[in-house]
Amino acid sequence: MGEVRKLLVPNRGEIAIRIARCCREMGIESVLAFSESDDVRFVRRFFDDAVSLGSGDARDTYLNVARVIDAARTAGADALHPGYGFLSERAELSAACEDAGITFIGPRPQSISAMGSKAESRRLMQRLGVPVVPGYDGEEQSFEILSAEAMRIGFPLLVKASAGGGGKGMKIVRAAGELQAAIDSAQREALKAFGDARLLLERYIEEPRHVEFQVFGDGRGEVLHLFERDCSIQRRHQKVVEESPAPRYSDELRQRMAKAAIAAAQGVDYRNAGTVEFIVTPEGEFYFLEMNTRLQVEHPVTEQVLGIDLVRAQIQLAERGAMPWTQDQLQQRGHAIEVRVYAEDPDDRFLPQTGTIAFYSEPSGPGVRVDGGVMQGSEIGVKFDPMLAKLVCFAPSREHCIDRLDRALRDYVILGTKTNVSWLRRVVTHPAFREGLVSTKFLDEHSMHAPMPEIVPLIAGVLATSKRESERAVGEARLPSVWDELGAWGR
């Protein structure tokens, strides 16, 4: 441990910018480690230096431990923050940093390993007395064993990849006749995504809520909880709306879940920021789902309701080895909601979209925060995640926060590629969402499709054209039309 002077960020988009901004506030030199196949023109401007990880997709660049460590050495970095995704939950990166004498802003390798396998973490939670969903997490993976265990657990059943997340290798099985096909498919997906075909089986909870607790540990047994976030609204098992505090929860349930989250983190001598995730039944019972040993995409909602900077706290802990706060100093105030803005088509299975951003205008105003990773002119390709930004709104009450978020989404204009902005508006203004009646089945139960595009992007296209025309020289041969500016909207 010691003062961090130069920090490498082997990541991209809004999280890379988020870390770079924090470094600048702390007087730390920041270095971006980037893929040459990625459009990093906007991200690069926030960093003091940059070093290439080579060309190719994520496997050859952001997921290559050797290249990342070489980049840190080349840059002369004494610390590394992995952000989230990519190598952030890989024990080998944390271990490689230790071997190279580089401060890893995150947990120790052994903590990552302990929580990296869903099956192993389930067994650990059982030993710690943390509730887990009834299921099977054994090493025997023949169809005969899995089938017998499935019959013991009962249907509906959830088949999950032991080594990963993000919905990959996850299948819901409602009858014995569906089991063979579900297991075969899940094993193929798990092997392709994680290099590990092992599965675990769990009882499938109907209408669950997905609630997680932010935790922070000093690596010596002290763990604080930073309250909860509700992440129930998901598409393809991936979160799209997150909020804190969780609506329609009793203080008694919050306290029980916080105690379980602390026990889970203490069980692996957890250091730095992490998240313990639970599923909650309609009856108010909760079960351990997994622990993410990294910063979460949705960490800004916790920052807003607590008035803290989690990235700054991560770096301070790595430097000093001491907690930045006490539990009594952490108090929730107001309400925060985050939505993830993607280049995707909600009306066509949320398929990722590509293109060049022809016009980009972020919302602003009191209580509005945009963690963005793109600008006008950014190229949206197929090799990396299509998330463009996160919009976070904060207000004194949940109702006020929803109204503010609705307004901010109306003000958010992105042209040149399809996005989910209008779809997000329909989600957060739905009567069931306003009432806090959320679950992971929310999008299955409520239609969010619109019959036709909204007029706001069309108006924005006209305004963008007028602005550009006024700035162009009069003698130019051809000025762009409105339809040039509209991009995907004009087709």
Protein backbone atom coordinates (compact mmCIF):
# COMPACT_ATOMS: atom_id res chain seq x y z
CA MET A 1 0.00 0.00 0.00
CA GLY A 2 1.00 3.59 -0.44
CA GLU A 3 0.10 6.71 -2.36
CA VAL A 4 -1.19 6.04 -5.86
CA ARG A 5 0.55 8.27 -8.39
CA LYS A 6 -0.29 6.75 -11.78
CA LEU A 7 -3.32 4.54 -12.42
CA LEU A 8 -4.04 2.35 -15.46
CA VAL A 9 -7.64 1.75 -16.60
CA PRO A 10 -7.92 -1.20 -19.03
CA ASN A 11 -11.54 -0.47 -19.89
CA ARG A 12 -13.76 1.63 -22.13
CA GLY A 13 -16.82 3.86 -22.35
CA GLU A 14 -18.44 5.59 -19.42
CA ILE A 15 -16.75 3.61 -16.63
CA ALA A 16 -13.28 4.52 -17.94
CA ILE A 17 -14.28 8.19 -17.96
CA ARG A 18 -15.80 7.85 -14.48
CA ILE A 19 -12.49 6.60 -13.07
CA ALA A 20 -10.40 9.17 -14.97
CA ARG A 21 -12.47 12.04 -13.59
CA CYS A 22 -11.94 10.77 -10.06
CA CYS A 23 -8.20 10.48 -10.66
CA ARG A 24 -8.07 14.08 -11.84
CA GLU A 25 -9.83 15.25 -8.68
CA MET A 26 -7.36 13.30 -6.54
CA GLY A 27 -4.27 14.51 -8.40
CA ILE A 28 -3.52 11.05 -9.77
CA GLU A 29 -2.20 10.64 -13.32
CA SER A 30 -4.52 8.42 -15.35
CA VAL A 31 -3.64 6.14 -18.28
CA LEU A 32 -6.17 4.56 -20.65
CA ALA A 33 -5.36 1.06 -21.92
CA PHE A 34 -7.44 0.69 -25.09
CA SER A 35 -8.19 -1.56 -28.03
CA GLU A 36 -7.31 -0.12 -31.44
CA SER A 37 -10.56 -1.67 -32.71
CA ASP A 38 -12.54 0.58 -30.39
CA ASP A 39 -13.56 4.20 -30.97
CA VAL A 40 -11.95 5.86 -27.93
CA ARG A 41 -11.70 9.44 -29.24
CA PHE A 42 -14.14 10.76 -26.65
CA VAL A 43 -12.84 8.65 -23.76
CA ARG A 44 -9.21 9.53 -24.47
CA ARG A 45 -9.70 13.24 -23.79
CA PHE A 46 -10.31 12.57 -20.08
CA PHE A 47 -7.00 10.74 -19.58
CA ASP A 48 -3.49 12.09 -19.14
CA ASP A 49 -1.97 9.32 -21.25
CA ALA A 50 -2.94 6.23 -23.22
CA VAL A 51 -1.34 2.94 -24.20
CA SER A 52 -2.54 0.47 -26.82
CA LEU A 53 -3.58 -3.09 -26.03
CA GLY A 54 -3.32 -3.90 -29.74
CA SER A 55 -6.09 -4.56 -32.21
CA GLY A 56 -8.76 -7.22 -32.19
CA ASP A 57 -11.85 -7.91 -30.12
CA ALA A 58 -12.15 -8.04 -26.34
CA ARG A 59 -10.47 -11.46 -26.05
CA ASP A 60 -7.30 -10.13 -27.63
CA THR A 61 -7.24 -6.81 -25.76
CA TYR A 62 -9.32 -5.99 -22.69
CA LEU A 63 -9.49 -9.66 -21.64
CA ASN A 64 -5.79 -10.40 -22.16
CA VAL A 65 -4.08 -10.36 -18.73
CA ALA A 66 -0.56 -10.40 -20.14
CA ARG A 67 -1.26 -7.44 -22.45
CA VAL A 68 -2.85 -5.48 -19.62
CA ILE A 69 0.10 -6.03 -17.29
CA ASP A 70 2.54 -5.13 -20.10
CA ALA A 71 0.55 -1.94 -20.69
CA ALA A 72 0.84 -1.05 -16.99
CA ARG A 73 4.60 -1.60 -17.09
CA THR A 74 4.95 0.41 -20.31
CA ALA A 75 3.00 3.30 -18.79
CA GLY A 76 4.86 3.13 -15.49
CA ALA A 77 1.58 2.74 -13.61
CA ASP A 78 1.75 1.84 -9.94
CA ALA A 79 -1.98 1.01 -9.69
CA LEU A 80 -4.74 -0.51 -11.82
CA HIS A 81 -8.51 -0.08 -11.64
CA PRO A 82 -10.34 -2.68 -13.78
CA GLY A 83 -13.73 -0.93 -13.77
CA TYR A 84 -16.46 -3.51 -14.35
CA GLY A 85 -16.87 -6.24 -16.95
CA PHE A 86 -13.83 -7.57 -18.82
CA LEU A 87 -11.15 -8.63 -16.29
CA SER A 88 -12.72 -7.02 -13.23
CA GLU A 89 -13.71 -10.36 -11.67
CA ARG A 90 -10.74 -12.39 -12.83
CA ALA A 91 -8.56 -13.58 -9.98
CA GLU A 92 -5.64 -13.94 -12.37
CA LEU A 93 -5.52 -10.18 -12.98
CA SER A 94 -5.51 -9.41 -9.26
CA ALA A 95 -2.77 -12.01 -8.77
CA ALA A 96 -0.74 -10.70 -11.71
CA CYS A 97 -0.88 -7.20 -10.24
CA GLU A 98 0.41 -8.52 -6.92
CA ASP A 99 3.27 -10.31 -8.69
CA ALA A 100 4.15 -7.14 -10.64
CA GLY A 101 4.05 -4.89 -7.59
CA ILE A 102 1.01 -2.99 -8.94
CA THR A 103 -1.77 -1.95 -6.55
CA PHE A 104 -5.01 -3.61 -7.66
CA ILE A 105 -8.03 -1.45 -6.87
CA GLY A 106 -10.26 -4.31 -5.87
CA PRO A 107 -10.34 -7.52 -3.85
CA ARG A 108 -7.62 -10.11 -3.35
CA PRO A 109 -7.37 -13.06 -5.77
CA GLN A 110 -8.64 -15.55 -3.20
CA SER A 111 -11.81 -13.53 -2.55
CA ILE A 112 -12.52 -13.31 -6.28
CA SER A 113 -11.96 -17.05 -6.66
CA ALA A 114 -14.23 -17.87 -3.72
CA MET A 115 -17.12 -15.97 -5.28
CA GLY A 116 -16.28 -16.68 -8.93
CA SER A 117 -18.08 -20.01 -9.03
CA LYS A 118 -21.80 -19.92 -8.32
CA ALA A 119 -21.66 -23.50 -7.02
CA GLU A 120 -18.74 -22.85 -4.66
CA SER A 121 -20.21 -19.57 -3.42
CA ARG A 122 -23.54 -21.34 -2.71
CA ARG A 123 -21.74 -23.88 -0.55
CA LEU A 124 -19.84 -21.12 1.24
CA MET A 125 -23.05 -19.20 1.95
CA GLN A 126 -24.64 -22.31 3.40
CA ARG A 127 -21.70 -22.69 5.79
CA LEU A 128 -22.04 -19.02 6.78
CA GLY A 129 -25.76 -19.34 7.45
CA VAL A 130 -26.80 -17.10 4.55
CA PRO A 131 -30.07 -18.34 2.97
CA VAL A 132 -29.68 -19.98 -0.45
CA VAL A 133 -32.31 -21.18 -2.91
CA PRO A 134 -32.90 -24.95 -2.66
CA GLY A 135 -30.92 -26.59 -5.45
CA TYR A 136 -27.97 -28.69 -6.59
CA ASP A 137 -24.37 -27.45 -6.86
CA GLY A 138 -22.43 -30.71 -6.99
CA GLU A 139 -19.52 -31.71 -9.21
CA GLU A 140 -21.35 -34.69 -10.74
CA GLN A 141 -22.66 -33.31 -14.02
CA SER A 142 -24.02 -36.30 -15.91
CA PHE A 143 -27.54 -35.96 -17.25
CA GLU A 144 -28.66 -38.81 -14.99
CA ILE A 145 -27.49 -36.99 -11.86
CA LEU A 146 -28.81 -33.61 -12.99
CA SER A 147 -32.15 -35.19 -13.91
CA ALA A 148 -32.46 -36.92 -10.54
CA GLU A 149 -31.62 -33.70 -8.70
CA ALA A 150 -34.13 -31.79 -10.80
CA MET A 151 -36.88 -34.21 -9.82
CA ARG A 152 -35.87 -33.81 -6.15
CA ILE A 153 -35.96 -30.00 -6.32
CA GLY A 154 -39.17 -29.88 -8.36
CA PHE A 155 -40.45 -27.64 -11.13
CA PRO A 156 -40.29 -24.88 -12.20
CA LEU A 157 -36.52 -25.13 -12.18
CA LEU A 158 -33.71 -22.78 -13.09
CA VAL A 159 -30.66 -24.18 -14.91
CA LYS A 160 -27.64 -21.88 -14.58
CA ALA A 161 -24.01 -21.79 -15.68
CA SER A 162 -21.85 -22.26 -12.60
CA ALA A 163 -19.00 -20.06 -13.85
CA GLY A 164 -20.77 -16.97 -15.15
CA GLY A 165 -23.61 -14.50 -15.22
CA GLY A 166 -25.36 -12.01 -17.46
CA GLY A 167 -28.05 -14.56 -18.31
CA LYS A 168 -25.72 -16.74 -20.38
CA GLY A 169 -26.40 -20.45 -19.90
CA MET A 170 -29.60 -19.75 -17.96
CA LYS A 171 -32.79 -21.68 -18.71
CA ILE A 172 -36.19 -21.97 -17.06
CA VAL A 173 -37.59 -25.52 -17.10
CA ARG A 174 -41.25 -26.01 -16.23
CA ALA A 175 -41.65 -29.74 -16.92
CA ALA A 176 -39.48 -32.87 -16.97
CA GLY A 177 -39.89 -33.20 -20.72
CA GLU A 178 -38.04 -29.89 -21.24
CA LEU A 179 -35.04 -30.83 -19.10
CA GLN A 180 -32.80 -32.59 -21.64
CA ALA A 181 -32.94 -29.79 -24.20
CA ALA A 182 -32.43 -27.10 -21.54
CA ILE A 183 -29.36 -28.81 -20.07
CA ASP A 184 -27.79 -29.42 -23.48
CA SER A 185 -28.34 -25.81 -24.52
CA ALA A 186 -27.12 -24.37 -21.20
CA GLN A 187 -23.95 -26.47 -21.30
CA ARG A 188 -23.16 -25.30 -24.84
CA GLU A 189 -23.70 -21.65 -23.92
CA ALA A 190 -21.71 -21.93 -20.69
CA LEU A 191 -18.77 -23.58 -22.43
CA LYS A 192 -18.72 -20.93 -25.16
CA ALA A 193 -19.08 -17.97 -22.81
CA PHE A 194 -16.97 -19.07 -19.84
CA GLY A 195 -14.94 -22.10 -20.96
CA ASP A 196 -16.73 -24.13 -18.28
CA ALA A 197 -19.81 -26.26 -18.97
CA ARG A 198 -20.69 -27.01 -15.34
CA LEU A 199 -24.25 -26.22 -14.32
CA LEU A 200 -26.16 -25.74 -11.13
CA LEU A 201 -29.86 -26.23 -10.55
CA GLU A 202 -32.12 -24.07 -8.39
CA ARG A 203 -35.79 -23.86 -7.63
CA TYR A 204 -37.25 -21.16 -9.86
CA ILE A 205 -38.91 -18.41 -7.85
CA GLU A 206 -41.97 -16.97 -9.58
CA GLU A 207 -42.34 -13.17 -9.50
CA PRO A 208 -39.09 -12.52 -7.60
CA ARG A 209 -37.44 -9.19 -6.97
CA HIS A 210 -33.70 -8.73 -7.52
CA VAL A 211 -32.23 -6.72 -4.67
CA GLU A 212 -28.53 -6.20 -4.01
CA PHE A 213 -26.51 -4.71 -1.17
CA GLN A 214 -23.42 -2.63 -1.78
CA VAL A 215 -20.67 -3.66 0.65
CA PHE A 216 -17.22 -2.32 1.41
CA GLY A 217 -14.52 -4.24 3.28
CA ASP A 218 -11.04 -3.48 4.56
CA GLY A 219 -9.73 -7.02 3.98
CA ARG A 220 -9.20 -7.58 7.71
CA GLY A 221 -12.71 -8.54 8.72
CA GLU A 222 -14.47 -5.19 8.89
CA VAL A 223 -17.32 -4.86 6.38
CA LEU A 224 -19.83 -2.04 6.00
CA HIS A 225 -23.06 -2.13 4.02
CA LEU A 226 -24.05 0.84 1.89
CA PHE A 227 -27.74 -0.11 1.72
CA GLU A 228 -29.69 -1.67 -1.10
CA ARG A 229 -30.53 -1.23 -4.76
CA ASP A 230 -33.54 -2.76 -6.50
CA CYS A 231 -32.52 -4.10 -9.92
CA SER A 232 -35.65 -6.10 -10.72
CA ILE A 233 -36.46 -4.64 -14.14
CA GLN A 234 -34.38 -6.67 -16.57
CA ARG A 235 -34.36 -7.72 -20.20
CA ARG A 236 -32.62 -10.96 -21.20
CA HIS A 237 -31.66 -11.36 -17.51
CA GLN A 238 -29.72 -8.08 -17.67
CA LYS A 239 -30.58 -5.02 -15.58
CA VAL A 240 -31.86 -1.88 -17.28
CA VAL A 241 -33.41 0.08 -14.37
CA GLU A 242 -31.95 0.31 -10.86
CA GLU A 243 -33.03 2.35 -7.87
CA SER A 244 -32.33 3.05 -4.22
CA PRO A 245 -33.96 2.74 -1.76
CA ALA A 246 -35.87 -0.35 -2.91
CA PRO A 247 -39.60 0.48 -3.01
CA ARG A 248 -42.19 -1.25 -0.82
CA TYR A 249 -39.65 -2.79 1.57
CA SER A 250 -39.88 -2.92 5.36
CA ASP A 251 -36.98 -1.76 7.52
CA GLU A 252 -36.99 -5.18 9.18
CA LEU A 253 -36.38 -6.95 5.84
CA ARG A 254 -33.64 -4.45 4.93
CA GLN A 255 -31.87 -5.10 8.22
CA ARG A 256 -31.98 -8.88 7.78
CA MET A 257 -30.62 -8.64 4.24
CA ALA A 258 -27.89 -6.18 5.28
CA LYS A 259 -26.77 -8.57 8.02
CA ALA A 260 -26.61 -11.46 5.52
CA ALA A 261 -24.65 -9.32 3.01
CA ILE A 262 -22.08 -8.42 5.66
CA ALA A 263 -21.74 -12.07 6.70
CA ALA A 264 -21.15 -13.08 3.07
CA ALA A 265 -18.38 -10.52 2.60
CA GLN A 266 -16.76 -11.27 5.94
CA GLY A 267 -16.68 -14.93 4.99
CA VAL A 268 -14.09 -14.23 2.30
CA ASP A 269 -12.19 -11.45 4.15
CA TYR A 270 -13.48 -9.07 1.51
CA ARG A 271 -11.49 -5.98 0.57
CA ASN A 272 -12.75 -2.95 -1.36
CA ALA A 273 -16.16 -2.53 -3.06
CA GLY A 274 -18.43 -5.45 -3.83
CA THR A 275 -22.09 -6.35 -4.15
CA VAL A 276 -24.09 -9.17 -2.58
CA GLU A 277 -27.16 -10.00 -4.66
CA PHE A 278 -30.38 -11.59 -3.45
CA ILE A 279 -33.67 -12.69 -4.91
CA VAL A 280 -36.72 -11.89 -2.81
CA THR A 281 -39.99 -13.79 -2.93
CA PRO A 282 -43.42 -12.10 -2.90
CA GLU A 283 -43.76 -13.44 0.66
CA GLY A 284 -40.68 -11.54 1.82
CA GLU A 285 -38.19 -14.39 1.98
CA PHE A 286 -34.77 -13.76 0.48
CA TYR A 287 -32.02 -15.99 -0.92
CA PHE A 288 -28.39 -15.42 -1.84
CA LEU A 289 -27.92 -15.16 -5.60
CA GLU A 290 -24.27 -14.24 -6.11
CA MET A 291 -21.56 -11.81 -5.09
CA ASN A 292 -20.03 -9.46 -7.64
CA THR A 293 -16.44 -8.80 -6.62
CA ARG A 294 -16.17 -5.41 -8.31
CA LEU A 295 -17.79 -2.04 -8.78
CA GLN A 296 -21.28 -2.34 -10.29
CA VAL A 297 -22.71 -0.54 -13.31
CA GLU A 298 -25.42 0.83 -11.03
CA HIS A 299 -23.10 2.19 -8.32
CA PRO A 300 -24.17 5.83 -9.03
CA VAL A 301 -27.58 5.35 -7.38
CA THR A 302 -25.81 4.45 -4.13
CA GLU A 303 -23.53 7.46 -4.52
CA GLN A 304 -26.52 9.76 -5.00
CA VAL A 305 -28.51 8.64 -1.96
CA LEU A 306 -25.47 8.50 0.34
CA GLY A 307 -23.59 11.55 -0.97
CA ILE A 308 -20.33 9.64 -1.47
CA ASP A 309 -17.83 8.85 -4.24
CA LEU A 310 -17.29 5.08 -4.38
CA VAL A 311 -14.36 5.22 -6.80
CA ARG A 312 -12.54 7.72 -4.60
CA ALA A 313 -13.23 5.49 -1.60
CA GLN A 314 -11.84 2.47 -3.48
CA ILE A 315 -8.59 4.28 -4.20
CA GLN A 316 -8.33 5.68 -0.66
CA LEU A 317 -8.77 2.21 0.84
CA ALA A 318 -6.09 0.82 -1.48
CA GLU A 319 -3.73 3.61 -0.38
CA ARG A 320 -4.38 3.62 3.36
CA GLY A 321 -5.90 0.24 4.18
CA ALA A 322 -8.59 1.93 6.28
CA MET A 323 -12.31 2.48 5.77
CA PRO A 324 -13.29 5.95 4.52
CA TRP A 325 -16.42 5.97 6.72
CA THR A 326 -18.06 4.29 9.70
CA GLN A 327 -21.44 2.54 9.42
CA ASP A 328 -23.12 5.33 11.40
CA GLN A 329 -21.91 7.93 8.89
CA LEU A 330 -23.75 6.21 6.03
CA GLN A 331 -27.36 7.36 5.84
CA GLN A 332 -29.80 7.19 2.93
CA ARG A 333 -31.48 10.40 1.83
CA GLY A 334 -33.92 10.99 -1.01
CA HIS A 335 -34.31 8.62 -3.95
CA ALA A 336 -32.20 7.80 -7.02
CA ILE A 337 -33.02 5.87 -10.20
CA GLU A 338 -30.62 4.85 -12.98
CA VAL A 339 -31.52 3.73 -16.49
CA ARG A 340 -29.08 2.24 -18.97
CA VAL A 341 -29.09 3.80 -22.41
CA TYR A 342 -28.28 1.25 -25.11
CA ALA A 343 -27.88 1.27 -28.87
CA GLU A 344 -30.47 -1.45 -29.35
CA ASP A 345 -33.90 -2.06 -30.85
CA PRO A 346 -36.46 -2.78 -28.10
CA ASP A 347 -39.04 -3.70 -30.74
CA ASP A 348 -36.80 -6.39 -32.25
CA ARG A 349 -35.64 -8.53 -29.32
CA PHE A 350 -33.37 -5.74 -28.03
CA LEU A 351 -30.86 -6.55 -30.74
CA PRO A 352 -27.71 -4.36 -30.61
CA GLN A 353 -27.54 -1.58 -33.20
CA THR A 354 -24.60 -0.04 -35.01
CA GLY A 355 -23.97 3.27 -36.74
CA THR A 356 -22.46 6.71 -36.33
CA ILE A 357 -23.99 9.09 -33.81
CA ALA A 358 -25.09 12.01 -35.99
CA PHE A 359 -26.47 14.16 -33.19
CA TYR A 360 -26.04 13.81 -29.43
CA SER A 361 -27.59 15.96 -26.71
CA GLU A 362 -27.59 14.95 -23.03
CA PRO A 363 -30.17 16.14 -20.50
CA SER A 364 -29.10 18.35 -17.60
CA GLY A 365 -30.54 20.30 -14.70
CA PRO A 366 -30.91 19.79 -10.94
CA GLY A 367 -30.63 16.18 -9.84
CA VAL A 368 -29.65 14.89 -13.31
CA ARG A 369 -26.40 12.98 -13.87
CA VAL A 370 -25.24 11.41 -17.12
CA ASP A 371 -22.30 9.00 -17.10
CA GLY A 372 -21.74 8.84 -20.85
CA GLY A 373 -19.09 7.27 -23.04
CA VAL A 374 -19.90 8.67 -26.49
CA MET A 375 -20.18 11.96 -28.36
CA GLN A 376 -21.50 13.21 -31.68
CA GLY A 377 -19.52 11.35 -34.34
CA SER A 378 -18.80 8.25 -32.21
CA GLU A 379 -18.85 4.98 -34.12
CA ILE A 380 -20.98 2.23 -32.57
CA GLY A 381 -19.61 -1.11 -33.69
CA VAL A 382 -20.33 -4.78 -33.12
CA LYS A 383 -17.28 -5.86 -31.12
CA PHE A 384 -18.18 -4.31 -27.77
CA ASP A 385 -21.16 -3.80 -25.47
CA PRO A 386 -23.75 -1.38 -26.93
CA MET A 387 -24.30 0.61 -23.72
CA LEU A 388 -23.86 4.29 -24.53
CA ALA A 389 -24.51 5.94 -21.17
CA LYS A 390 -26.24 5.79 -17.82
CA LEU A 391 -28.83 8.40 -16.87
CA VAL A 392 -29.21 8.87 -13.11
CA CYS A 393 -31.80 11.12 -11.47
CA PHE A 394 -32.01 12.09 -7.81
CA ALA A 395 -34.84 13.82 -5.93
CA PRO A 396 -36.23 14.10 -2.40
CA SER A 397 -38.92 11.46 -3.07
CA ARG A 398 -39.45 8.53 -5.43
CA GLU A 399 -42.41 10.21 -7.12
CA HIS A 400 -40.39 13.37 -7.76
CA CYS A 401 -37.47 11.26 -8.99
CA ILE A 402 -39.69 9.50 -11.55
CA ASP A 403 -41.02 12.84 -12.80
CA ARG A 404 -37.47 14.16 -13.12
CA LEU A 405 -36.34 11.03 -14.95
CA ASP A 406 -39.28 11.29 -17.34
CA ARG A 407 -38.31 14.87 -18.13
CA ALA A 408 -34.63 13.98 -18.57
CA LEU A 409 -35.47 11.15 -20.96
CA ARG A 410 -37.62 13.55 -22.99
CA ASP A 411 -34.58 15.84 -23.22
CA TYR A 412 -32.17 13.04 -24.22
CA VAL A 413 -31.65 13.01 -28.02
CA ILE A 414 -29.42 10.53 -29.85
CA LEU A 415 -29.65 10.33 -33.65
CA GLY A 416 -27.89 8.06 -36.11
CA THR A 417 -28.57 4.75 -34.39
CA LYS A 418 -31.64 3.28 -32.73
CA THR A 419 -31.64 3.47 -28.94
CA ASN A 420 -33.89 2.44 -26.07
CA VAL A 421 -34.48 6.00 -24.79
CA SER A 422 -38.20 6.21 -25.68
CA TRP A 423 -38.73 2.66 -24.44
CA LEU A 424 -37.17 3.59 -21.08
CA ARG A 425 -39.65 6.45 -20.78
CA ARG A 426 -42.51 4.02 -21.19
CA VAL A 427 -41.05 1.78 -18.48
CA VAL A 428 -40.52 4.43 -15.81
CA THR A 429 -43.87 6.15 -16.42
CA HIS A 430 -45.87 2.92 -16.35
CA PRO A 431 -48.46 2.95 -13.52
CA ALA A 432 -47.10 -0.31 -12.07
CA PHE A 433 -43.59 1.14 -11.87
CA ARG A 434 -44.88 4.31 -10.23
CA GLU A 435 -46.55 2.15 -7.59
CA GLY A 436 -43.32 0.19 -7.00
CA LEU A 437 -44.89 -3.06 -8.21
CA VAL A 438 -41.69 -4.38 -9.76
CA SER A 439 -40.28 -7.87 -10.25
CA THR A 440 -38.03 -9.63 -12.74
CA LYS A 441 -41.25 -10.47 -14.65
CA PHE A 442 -42.17 -6.81 -15.08
CA LEU A 443 -41.37 -6.62 -18.79
CA ASP A 444 -43.11 -9.93 -19.49
CA GLU A 445 -46.28 -8.68 -17.82
CA HIS A 446 -46.41 -5.15 -19.22
CA SER A 447 -46.11 -4.23 -22.88
CA MET A 448 -43.73 -1.33 -23.55
CA HIS A 449 -44.01 -1.20 -27.32
CA ALA A 450 -44.99 2.05 -29.04
CA PRO A 451 -47.04 2.13 -32.26
CA MET A 452 -44.84 4.78 -33.90
CA PRO A 453 -41.71 6.83 -33.20
CA GLU A 454 -42.11 9.92 -31.03
CA ILE A 455 -41.82 13.36 -32.58
CA VAL A 456 -38.99 14.64 -30.35
CA PRO A 457 -36.15 13.10 -32.41
CA LEU A 458 -37.70 14.49 -35.60
CA ILE A 459 -37.76 17.99 -34.15
CA ALA A 460 -34.19 17.52 -32.94
CA GLY A 461 -33.15 16.61 -36.46
CA VAL A 462 -34.66 19.81 -37.81
CA LEU A 463 -32.93 21.88 -35.14
CA ALA A 464 -29.60 20.14 -35.75
CA THR A 465 -29.85 20.89 -39.47
CA SER A 466 -30.71 24.55 -38.85
CA LYS A 467 -27.79 24.93 -36.49
CA ARG A 468 -25.32 23.35 -38.88
CA GLU A 469 -26.64 25.31 -41.84
CA SER A 470 -26.18 28.58 -39.99
CA GLU A 471 -22.59 27.69 -39.21
CA ARG A 472 -21.64 26.64 -42.74
CA ALA A 473 -20.20 29.01 -45.31
CA VAL A 474 -22.81 30.39 -47.71
CA GLY A 475 -20.89 29.31 -50.79
CA GLU A 476 -20.81 25.60 -49.87
CA ALA A 477 -22.02 23.41 -52.73
CA ARG A 478 -24.55 21.30 -50.81
CA LEU A 479 -25.91 21.67 -47.31
CA PRO A 480 -27.25 18.63 -45.42
CA SER A 481 -30.97 18.06 -45.38
CA VAL A 482 -33.07 17.15 -42.35
CA TRP A 483 -33.06 13.53 -43.50
CA ASP A 484 -29.24 13.48 -43.51
CA GLU A 485 -29.32 14.47 -39.85
CA LEU A 486 -32.00 11.99 -38.85
CA GLY A 487 -29.85 8.93 -39.49
CA ALA A 488 -31.78 5.85 -38.40
CA TRP A 489 -34.92 7.96 -37.77
CA GLY A 490 -35.01 9.11 -41.39
CA ARG A 491 -34.88 5.64 -42.88
